[in-house]
Structures are given as C-alpha cells and as structure tokens.
PDB file of N, CA and C in Angstrom:
ATOM      1  N   MET A   1      88.439  74.699 117.074  1.00  0.00           N
ATOM      2  CA  MET A   1      90.199  74.333 116.582  1.00  0.00           C
ATOM      3  C   MET A   1      91.255  74.220 118.372  1.00  0.00           C
ATOM      4  N   THR A   2      91.832  73.791 118.626  1.00  0.00           N
ATOM      5  CA  THR A   2      92.465  73.636 119.613  1.00  0.00           C
ATOM      6  C   THR A   2      94.084  74.770 119.553  1.00  0.00           C
ATOM      7  N   LEU A   3      94.103  74.834 121.373  1.00  0.00           N
ATOM      8  CA  LEU A   3      95.950  75.832 121.061  1.00  0.00           C
ATOM      9  C   LEU A   3      96.382  74.954 120.259  1.00  0.00           C
ATOM     10  N   LEU A   4      96.271  73.600 120.309  1.00  0.00           N
ATOM     11  CA  LEU A   4      98.105  72.417 120.145  1.00  0.00           C
ATOM     12  C   LEU A   4      97.583  72.523 118.428  1.00  0.00           C
ATOM     13  N   SER A   5      95.930  72.837 118.120  1.00  0.00           N
ATOM     14  CA  SER A   5      96.446  72.785 116.671  1.00  0.00           C
ATOM     15  C   SER A   5      97.080  73.972 115.717  1.00  0.00           C
ATOM     16  N   LEU A   6      96.617  75.146 116.436  1.00  0.00           N
ATOM     17  CA  LEU A   6      97.139  76.640 116.246  1.00  0.00           C
ATOM     18  C   LEU A   6      98.685  76.440 116.214  1.00  0.00           C
ATOM     19  N   ASP A   7      98.929  75.623 117.328  1.00  0.00           N
ATOM     20  CA  ASP A   7     101.006  75.648 117.523  1.00  0.00           C
ATOM     21  C   ASP A   7     101.492  74.705 116.830  1.00  0.00           C
ATOM     22  N   ARG A   8     100.514  73.427 116.355  1.00  0.00           N
ATOM     23  CA  ARG A   8     101.285  73.161 114.769  1.00  0.00           C
ATOM     24  C   ARG A   8     101.602  73.796 113.834  1.00  0.00           C
ATOM     25  N   LEU A   9     100.395  74.760 113.136  1.00  0.00           N
ATOM     26  CA  LEU A   9      99.842  75.441 112.113  1.00  0.00           C
ATOM     27  C   LEU A   9     101.292  76.321 112.027  1.00  0.00           C
ATOM     28  N   LYS A  10     101.087  77.308 112.883  1.00  0.00           N
ATOM     29  CA  LYS A  10     102.474  78.144 113.513  1.00  0.00           C
ATOM     30  C   LYS A  10     103.943  77.457 113.086  1.00  0.00           C
ATOM     31  N   THR A  11     104.018  76.439 113.708  1.00  0.00           N
ATOM     32  CA  THR A  11     105.187  75.882 113.444  1.00  0.00           C
ATOM     33  C   THR A  11     105.257  75.656 111.920  1.00  0.00           C
ATOM     34  N   ALA A  12     104.348  74.851 111.293  1.00  0.00           N
ATOM     35  CA  ALA A  12     104.515  74.833 109.884  1.00  0.00           C
ATOM     36  C   ALA A  12     105.026  76.229 109.087  1.00  0.00           C
ATOM     37  N   LEU A  13     104.267  77.413 109.654  1.00  0.00           N
ATOM     38  CA  LEU A  13     104.014  78.345 109.099  1.00  0.00           C
ATOM     39  C   LEU A  13     105.521  79.352 109.313  1.00  0.00           C
ATOM     40  N   ALA A  14     106.043  78.554 110.146  1.00  0.00           N
ATOM     41  CA  ALA A  14     107.537  79.883 110.668  1.00  0.00           C
ATOM     42  C   ALA A  14     108.457  79.483 109.779  1.00  0.00           C
ATOM     43  N   GLY A  15     108.657  78.064 108.922  1.00  0.00           N
ATOM     44  CA  GLY A  15     109.773  78.395 108.008  1.00  0.00           C
ATOM     45  C   GLY A  15     110.966  76.920 108.353  1.00  0.00           C
ATOM     46  N   ASN A  16     110.403  76.515 109.726  1.00  0.00           N
ATOM     47  CA  ASN A  16     111.810  75.384 110.075  1.00  0.00           C
ATOM     48  C   ASN A  16     111.817  74.410 109.075  1.00  0.00           C
ATOM     49  N   ASP A  17     112.987  73.712 108.568  1.00  0.00           N
ATOM     50  CA  ASP A  17     113.403  72.637 108.015  1.00  0.00           C
ATOM     51  C   ASP A  17     113.383  71.907 108.844  1.00  0.00           C
ATOM     52  N   SER A  18     113.988  70.233 108.238  1.00  0.00           N
ATOM     53  CA  SER A  18     113.726  69.159 108.998  1.00  0.00           C
ATOM     54  C   SER A  18     114.876  69.252 110.390  1.00  0.00           C
ATOM     55  N   ASP A  19     115.979  70.048 110.158  1.00  0.00           N
ATOM     56  CA  ASP A  19     116.944  70.197 111.555  1.00  0.00           C
ATOM     57  C   ASP A  19     116.214  71.546 112.152  1.00  0.00           C
ATOM     58  N   GLY A  20     115.172  71.755 112.232  1.00  0.00           N
ATOM     59  CA  GLY A  20     114.715  72.793 113.124  1.00  0.00           C
ATOM     60  C   GLY A  20     115.717  74.590 112.805  1.00  0.00           C
ATOM     61  N   ALA A  21     116.484  74.575 112.171  1.00  0.00           N
ATOM     62  CA  ALA A  21     117.140  75.868 111.414  1.00  0.00           C
ATOM     63  C   ALA A  21     116.181  76.500 110.793  1.00  0.00           C
ATOM     64  N   PRO A  22     115.738  77.410 111.118  1.00  0.00           N
ATOM     65  CA  PRO A  22     115.454  79.046 110.120  1.00  0.00           C
ATOM     66  C   PRO A  22     115.171  78.983 108.399  1.00  0.00           C
ATOM     67  N   GLU A  23     114.569  78.642 107.863  1.00  0.00           N
ATOM     68  CA  GLU A  23     114.896  78.977 106.146  1.00  0.00           C
ATOM     69  C   GLU A  23     115.103  80.476 105.958  1.00  0.00           C
ATOM     70  N   LYS A  24     115.286  80.717 105.037  1.00  0.00           N
ATOM     71  CA  LYS A  24     115.723  82.414 104.499  1.00  0.00           C
ATOM     72  C   LYS A  24     114.340  82.467 104.681  1.00  0.00           C
ATOM     73  N   ALA A  25     113.868  83.791 105.000  1.00  0.00           N
ATOM     74  CA  ALA A  25     112.469  84.592 105.311  1.00  0.00           C
ATOM     75  C   ALA A  25     112.200  84.899 104.115  1.00  0.00           C
ATOM     76  N   ALA A  26     110.525  84.694 104.320  1.00  0.00           N
ATOM     77  CA  ALA A  26     110.119  84.447 102.457  1.00  0.00           C
ATOM     78  C   ALA A  26     109.088  86.142 103.079  1.00  0.00           C
ATOM     79  N   PRO A  27     108.859  86.827 102.141  1.00  0.00           N
ATOM     80  CA  PRO A  27     108.637  88.116 101.712  1.00  0.00           C
ATOM     81  C   PRO A  27     107.129  87.870 102.385  1.00  0.00           C
ATOM     82  N   GLN A  28     106.748  89.360 103.073  1.00  0.00           N
ATOM     83  CA  GLN A  28     105.331  89.024 103.985  1.00  0.00           C
ATOM     84  C   GLN A  28     104.372  89.581 102.762  1.00  0.00           C
ATOM     85  N   ASN A  29     102.991  88.607 103.478  1.00  0.00           N
ATOM     86  CA  ASN A  29     102.187  88.815 102.624  1.00  0.00           C
ATOM     87  C   ASN A  29     100.933  88.947 103.584  1.00  0.00           C
ATOM     88  N   PRO A  30      99.520  89.472 103.059  1.00  0.00           N
ATOM     89  CA  PRO A  30      98.647  89.961 103.729  1.00  0.00           C
ATOM     90  C   PRO A  30      98.011  88.721 104.035  1.00  0.00           C
ATOM     91  N   ALA A  31      98.168  87.668 103.722  1.00  0.00           N
ATOM     92  CA  ALA A  31      97.220  86.345 104.308  1.00  0.00           C
ATOM     93  C   ALA A  31      96.918  86.711 105.754  1.00  0.00           C
ATOM     94  N   THR A  32      95.950  86.014 105.754  1.00  0.00           N
ATOM     95  CA  THR A  32      95.310  85.388 107.400  1.00  0.00           C
ATOM     96  C   THR A  32      94.617  84.421 107.234  1.00  0.00           C
ATOM     97  N   LEU A  33      95.127  84.117 108.731  1.00  0.00           N
ATOM     98  CA  LEU A  33      93.851  82.853 109.175  1.00  0.00           C
ATOM     99  C   LEU A  33      92.557  83.031 109.521  1.00  0.00           C
ATOM    100  N   TYR A  34      91.913  82.263 109.020  1.00  0.00           N
ATOM    101  CA  TYR A  34      90.109  82.187 109.130  1.00  0.00           C
ATOM    102  C   TYR A  34      89.636  80.803 109.427  1.00  0.00           C
ATOM    103  N   GLU A  35      88.750  81.292 110.454  1.00  0.00           N
ATOM    104  CA  GLU A  35      88.190  79.490 110.971  1.00  0.00           C
ATOM    105  C   GLU A  35      86.905  79.374 111.137  1.00  0.00           C
ATOM    106  N   CYS A  36      86.194  78.302 110.255  1.00  0.00           N
ATOM    107  CA  CYS A  36      85.130  78.039 110.473  1.00  0.00           C
ATOM    108  C   CYS A  36      84.002  77.745 111.842  1.00  0.00           C
ATOM    109  N   ALA A  37      83.452  78.634 112.294  1.00  0.00           N
ATOM    110  CA  ALA A  37      82.926  77.500 113.295  1.00  0.00           C
ATOM    111  C   ALA A  37      82.162  76.637 113.538  1.00  0.00           C
ATOM    112  N   SER A  38      81.702  76.655 112.381  1.00  0.00           N
ATOM    113  CA  SER A  38      80.846  75.652 112.213  1.00  0.00           C
ATOM    114  C   SER A  38      81.304  74.133 112.444  1.00  0.00           C
ATOM    115  N   CYS A  39      82.659  73.772 111.353  1.00  0.00           N
ATOM    116  CA  CYS A  39      82.781  72.676 110.695  1.00  0.00           C
ATOM    117  C   CYS A  39      84.354  72.645 111.812  1.00  0.00           C
ATOM    118  N   GLY A  40      85.257  73.243 112.012  1.00  0.00           N
ATOM    119  CA  GLY A  40      86.745  73.844 112.314  1.00  0.00           C
ATOM    120  C   GLY A  40      87.482  73.580 111.241  1.00  0.00           C
ATOM    121  N   THR A  41      87.065  74.017 109.682  1.00  0.00           N
ATOM    122  CA  THR A  41      88.355  73.992 108.931  1.00  0.00           C
ATOM    123  C   THR A  41      88.749  75.809 109.270  1.00  0.00           C
ATOM    124  N   VAL A  42      90.422  75.577 108.696  1.00  0.00           N
ATOM    125  CA  VAL A  42      90.613  76.958 109.139  1.00  0.00           C
ATOM    126  C   VAL A  42      91.497  76.908 107.512  1.00  0.00           C
ATOM    127  N   TYR A  43      91.293  78.433 107.530  1.00  0.00           N
ATOM    128  CA  TYR A  43      92.197  78.530 105.682  1.00  0.00           C
ATOM    129  C   TYR A  43      93.439  79.690 105.930  1.00  0.00           C
ATOM    130  N   ILE A  44      94.125  79.707 104.960  1.00  0.00           N
ATOM    131  CA  ILE A  44      94.647  80.993 105.110  1.00  0.00           C
ATOM    132  C   ILE A  44      94.828  81.813 103.598  1.00  0.00           C
ATOM    133  N   ALA A  45      93.924  82.884 103.886  1.00  0.00           N
ATOM    134  CA  ALA A  45      93.312  83.556 102.393  1.00  0.00           C
ATOM    135  C   ALA A  45      94.079  84.978 102.957  1.00  0.00           C
ATOM    136  N   GLU A  46      93.799  86.306 101.723  1.00  0.00           N
ATOM    137  CA  GLU A  46      93.830  87.385 101.619  1.00  0.00           C
ATOM    138  C   GLU A  46      92.977  87.811 102.447  1.00  0.00           C
ATOM    139  N   GLU A  47      91.290  87.564 102.210  1.00  0.00           N
ATOM    140  CA  GLU A  47      90.126  87.644 102.318  1.00  0.00           C
ATOM    141  C   GLU A  47      89.128  86.127 102.214  1.00  0.00           C
ATOM    142  N   LYS A  48      88.207  86.441 102.940  1.00  0.00           N
ATOM    143  CA  LYS A  48      87.570  84.883 102.863  1.00  0.00           C
ATOM    144  C   LYS A  48      86.151  85.328 103.956  1.00  0.00           C
ATOM    145  N   GLN A  49      85.126  84.852 103.026  1.00  0.00           N
ATOM    146  CA  GLN A  49      83.923  85.254 103.832  1.00  0.00           C
ATOM    147  C   GLN A  49      82.639  84.451 103.989  1.00  0.00           C
ATOM    148  N   SER A  50      82.950  83.199 103.307  1.00  0.00           N
ATOM    149  CA  SER A  50      82.314  81.350 103.910  1.00  0.00           C
ATOM    150  C   SER A  50      83.564  80.418 103.783  1.00  0.00           C
ATOM    151  N   CYS A  51      82.897  79.304 104.512  1.00  0.00           N
ATOM    152  CA  CYS A  51      83.479  78.285 104.470  1.00  0.00           C
ATOM    153  C   CYS A  51      83.367  77.286 102.667  1.00  0.00           C
ATOM    154  N   SER A  52      84.422  76.559 102.352  1.00  0.00           N
ATOM    155  CA  SER A  52      84.067  76.319 101.064  1.00  0.00           C
ATOM    156  C   SER A  52      83.410  74.874 101.676  1.00  0.00           C
ATOM    157  N   GLU A  53      83.902  74.312 102.652  1.00  0.00           N
ATOM    158  CA  GLU A  53      83.278  73.187 102.898  1.00  0.00           C
ATOM    159  C   GLU A  53      81.553  72.773 103.329  1.00  0.00           C
ATOM    160  N   CYS A  54      81.372  73.780 104.361  1.00  0.00           N
ATOM    161  CA  CYS A  54      80.083  74.055 104.586  1.00  0.00           C
ATOM    162  C   CYS A  54      79.071  75.200 104.753  1.00  0.00           C
ATOM    163  N   GLU A  55      79.806  76.001 103.872  1.00  0.00           N
ATOM    164  CA  GLU A  55      79.442  77.493 103.519  1.00  0.00           C
ATOM    165  C   GLU A  55      78.245  78.270 104.945  1.00  0.00           C
ATOM    166  N   ALA A  56      79.530  78.201 105.942  1.00  0.00           N
ATOM    167  CA  ALA A  56      79.159  78.832 107.032  1.00  0.00           C
ATOM    168  C   ALA A  56      80.077  80.538 106.613  1.00  0.00           C
ATOM    169  N   SER A  57      79.829  81.120 107.522  1.00  0.00           N
ATOM    170  CA  SER A  57      80.526  81.951 107.160  1.00  0.00           C
ATOM    171  C   SER A  57      81.944  82.259 108.310  1.00  0.00           C
ATOM    172  N   VAL A  58      82.739  82.087 108.154  1.00  0.00           N
ATOM    173  CA  VAL A  58      84.231  82.079 108.426  1.00  0.00           C
ATOM    174  C   VAL A  58      84.535  83.860 109.401  1.00  0.00           C
ATOM    175  N   ARG A  59      85.741  83.282 110.274  1.00  0.00           N
ATOM    176  CA  ARG A  59      86.327  84.672 111.210  1.00  0.00           C
ATOM    177  C   ARG A  59      87.597  84.527 110.917  1.00  0.00           C
ATOM    178  N   ALA A  60      87.937  86.061 111.102  1.00  0.00           N
ATOM    179  CA  ALA A  60      89.608  85.960 110.805  1.00  0.00           C
ATOM    180  C   ALA A  60      90.076  85.693 112.236  1.00  0.00           C
ATOM    181  N   VAL A  61      90.507  85.387 112.365  1.00  0.00           N
ATOM    182  CA  VAL A  61      92.016  84.251 113.347  1.00  0.00           C
ATOM    183  C   VAL A  61      92.424  85.318 113.767  1.00  0.00           C
ATOM    184  N   PRO A  62      92.451  85.749 115.483  1.00  0.00           N
ATOM    185  CA  PRO A  62      93.167  87.163 115.329  1.00  0.00           C
ATOM    186  C   PRO A  62      95.054  86.659 115.797  1.00  0.00           C
ATOM    187  N   ASN A  63      95.429  87.665 114.619  1.00  0.00           N
ATOM    188  CA  ASN A  63      97.561  87.303 115.238  1.00  0.00           C
ATOM    189  C   ASN A  63      98.091  87.777 116.390  1.00  0.00           C
ATOM    190  N   GLU A  64      99.166  88.136 116.884  1.00  0.00           N
ATOM    191  CA  GLU A  64      99.725  88.737 117.561  1.00  0.00           C
ATOM    192  C   GLU A  64      99.798  90.257 117.382  1.00  0.00           C
ATOM    193  N   HIS A  65      99.455  90.833 116.238  1.00  0.00           N
ATOM    194  CA  HIS A  65      99.719  92.050 116.299  1.00  0.00           C
ATOM    195  C   HIS A  65      98.286  92.913 116.974  1.00  0.00           C
ATOM    196  N   ASP A  66      97.079  91.765 116.492  1.00  0.00           N
ATOM    197  CA  ASP A  66      95.569  92.284 117.094  1.00  0.00           C
ATOM    198  C   ASP A  66      95.558  92.066 118.608  1.00  0.00           C
ATOM    199  N   LEU A  67      96.262  90.785 119.110  1.00  0.00           N
ATOM    200  CA  LEU A  67      96.421  90.735 120.758  1.00  0.00           C
ATOM    201  C   LEU A  67      97.083  91.342 121.312  1.00  0.00           C
ATOM    202  N   GLY A  68      98.085  92.551 120.656  1.00  0.00           N
ATOM    203  CA  GLY A  68      98.588  93.657 121.552  1.00  0.00           C
ATOM    204  C   GLY A  68     100.338  93.278 121.870  1.00  0.00           C
ATOM    205  N   LEU A  69     100.706  91.638 121.362  1.00  0.00           N
ATOM    206  CA  LEU A  69     101.864  91.017 121.918  1.00  0.00           C
ATOM    207  C   LEU A  69     102.670  91.786 120.650  1.00  0.00           C
ATOM    208  N   ASP A  70     103.682  92.006 121.146  1.00  0.00           N
ATOM    209  CA  ASP A  70     105.386  92.170 120.485  1.00  0.00           C
ATOM    210  C   ASP A  70     106.293  90.554 120.264  1.00  0.00           C
ATOM    211  N   LEU A  71     106.110  90.442 119.433  1.00  0.00           N
ATOM    212  CA  LEU A  71     107.515  89.185 119.577  1.00  0.00           C
ATOM    213  C   LEU A  71     108.525  89.442 119.162  1.00  0.00           C
ATOM    214  N   GLY A  72     108.987  90.595 118.616  1.00  0.00           N
ATOM    215  CA  GLY A  72     110.467  90.997 118.484  1.00  0.00           C
ATOM    216  C   GLY A  72     110.500  91.217 116.827  1.00  0.00           C
ATOM    217  N   ARG A  73     109.622  90.962 116.403  1.00  0.00           N
ATOM    218  CA  ARG A  73     109.560  90.462 114.684  1.00  0.00           C
ATOM    219  C   ARG A  73     110.057  92.267 113.783  1.00  0.00           C
TER     220      ARG A  73
END
C-alpha cells in the first residue's frame, strides 16, 4: 500500500463533507486498520487475523499513537 493511498483513506475517515468543512465528530471506537501484505487489501475492524480475499495473515497498521505522534486531538 502506498502512502498516497493511506492519505486518501485518512481523508475519507476524517469526516469532511464536500465543501471541506469537518462534520460533527463521531464517537471514538476501537477500530484499527489492518493490511494484508500478500494482496494489499486494507480492512477497518476491531480485530482481524486473516485476509478475507487471500486468507494470508494481516498486520495492524500503526496509528499516530503507536508512532509516538501527537496530533493535538
């Protein structure tokens, strides 16, 4: 998965409407991004062990907290 794809996904998940204004904040949930290294499929789930497309194992994609980043939220 490329960084560009991750940026697009983050933008889509940020909840911006068509004019770029943020929507009302959704309640926080424990969902995590998981990526399959074999086929590149990305999932949003609370827990995921294997890819539904190719059955390979998936890995959790680190978030800003995992990377030690403070985004001021």
